[in-house]
Amino acid sequence: MAVPYKAPVKDIVFGYEVIDSYNVLNKISAFSDFSEDIVIPTMEECAKFSEEVLAPINAIGDQQGATIKDGVVTMPESLLMPIKSSPKQVGHQYLCRLI
């Protein structure tokens, strides 16, 4: 059975505030519109994805794991499904990498 997971959204957002990331990132043209209004809803959706999609399959990764043969890594198919089914581009192109 999967261990329940609750993403620490408030802690992550607090971290952004503590290191003043909004002002720092606003100086980079690709992130000129980066603000709390973008981060909080994005983090909430990331948390939802982590809690509802990734957490339930985490146990499979623990049980089956990845294998390596002749230099090729193979993952259990169930662990690849979230990656294969995710949208190729959602919103701000760089935001997912940043967060």
Protein backbone atom coordinates (compact mmCIF):
# COMPACT_ATOMS: atom_id res chain seq x y z
CA MET A 1 0.00 0.00 0.00
CA ALA A 2 1.25 3.45 -0.89
CA VAL A 3 2.24 5.81 1.88
CA PRO A 4 0.01 8.91 1.86
CA TYR A 5 1.86 11.96 0.61
CA LYS A 6 0.96 15.59 1.14
CA ALA A 7 3.12 18.05 -0.79
CA PRO A 8 4.48 20.90 1.38
CA VAL A 9 3.18 23.73 -0.83
CA LYS A 10 3.18 26.36 1.94
CA ASP A 11 6.78 25.50 2.85
CA ILE A 12 7.92 25.71 -0.77
CA VAL A 13 6.21 29.06 -1.33
CA PHE A 14 7.73 30.31 1.93
CA GLY A 15 11.14 29.30 0.59
CA TYR A 16 10.58 31.42 -2.52
CA GLU A 17 9.74 34.38 -0.28
CA VAL A 18 12.72 33.90 2.04
CA ILE A 19 15.27 33.89 -0.77
CA ASP A 20 13.45 36.77 -2.49
CA SER A 21 13.20 34.76 -5.69
CA TYR A 22 10.40 36.90 -7.13
CA ASN A 23 12.59 40.00 -7.35
CA VAL A 24 15.67 38.07 -8.44
CA LEU A 25 13.87 36.20 -11.22
CA ASN A 26 11.97 39.26 -12.44
CA LYS A 27 15.32 40.63 -13.64
CA ILE A 28 15.60 37.76 -16.15
CA SER A 29 13.56 38.48 -19.27
CA ALA A 30 12.13 34.95 -19.50
CA PHE A 31 10.71 35.37 -15.97
CA SER A 32 9.70 39.03 -16.05
CA ASP A 33 6.13 38.12 -15.07
CA PHE A 34 7.16 35.66 -12.34
CA SER A 35 5.15 36.38 -9.20
CA GLU A 36 3.33 34.84 -6.27
CA ASP A 37 0.17 34.90 -8.43
CA ILE A 38 1.85 32.40 -10.76
CA VAL A 39 3.82 30.34 -8.26
CA ILE A 40 1.05 29.47 -5.82
CA PRO A 41 -1.46 28.02 -8.35
CA THR A 42 1.37 26.27 -10.19
CA MET A 43 2.67 24.71 -6.97
CA GLU A 44 -0.87 23.65 -6.04
CA GLU A 45 -1.23 21.84 -9.37
CA CYS A 46 2.22 20.26 -9.00
CA ALA A 47 1.21 19.10 -5.53
CA LYS A 48 -2.02 17.63 -6.86
CA PHE A 49 -0.10 15.74 -9.55
CA SER A 50 2.43 14.47 -6.99
CA GLU A 51 -0.24 13.39 -4.53
CA GLU A 52 -2.69 11.83 -6.99
CA VAL A 53 -0.45 10.43 -9.74
CA LEU A 54 3.12 9.97 -8.53
CA ALA A 55 2.63 8.95 -4.89
CA PRO A 56 0.42 5.94 -5.69
CA ILE A 57 2.98 4.48 -8.11
CA ASN A 58 5.97 5.17 -5.86
CA ALA A 59 5.63 1.75 -4.21
CA ILE A 60 5.92 0.08 -7.62
CA GLY A 61 9.24 1.82 -8.14
CA ASP A 62 10.39 0.55 -4.74
CA GLN A 63 9.29 -3.03 -5.51
CA GLN A 64 10.28 -3.39 -9.16
CA GLY A 65 12.86 -0.67 -9.60
CA ALA A 66 14.84 0.11 -12.70
CA THR A 67 17.09 -2.39 -14.41
CA ILE A 68 20.23 -1.84 -16.42
CA LYS A 69 21.39 -4.19 -19.14
CA ASP A 70 24.13 -3.50 -21.66
CA GLY A 71 24.14 0.16 -20.61
CA VAL A 72 20.37 0.59 -21.17
CA VAL A 73 18.17 1.56 -18.22
CA THR A 74 14.64 0.17 -18.27
CA MET A 75 11.91 1.54 -16.00
CA PRO A 76 8.71 -0.28 -15.04
CA GLU A 77 6.02 0.77 -17.54
CA SER A 78 3.74 2.06 -14.77
CA LEU A 79 6.39 4.59 -13.77
CA LEU A 80 6.66 5.89 -17.32
CA MET A 81 2.94 6.43 -17.79
CA PRO A 82 2.78 9.85 -16.05
CA ILE A 83 5.64 11.10 -18.23
CA LYS A 84 4.10 9.75 -21.44
CA SER A 85 0.65 11.12 -20.64
CA SER A 86 1.70 14.59 -19.49
CA PRO A 87 1.17 17.56 -21.79
CA LYS A 88 4.25 18.54 -23.77
CA GLN A 89 3.87 22.21 -22.95
CA VAL A 90 1.82 23.78 -20.21
CA GLY A 91 1.76 27.52 -19.74
CA HIS A 92 5.09 29.25 -19.32
CA GLN A 93 7.76 27.25 -21.12
CA TYR A 94 10.44 27.69 -18.47
CA LEU A 95 8.29 27.64 -15.34
CA CYS A 96 8.28 23.86 -14.88
CA ARG A 97 12.07 23.74 -15.02
CA LEU A 98 12.33 26.59 -12.57
CA ILE A 99 9.88 25.29 -10.00
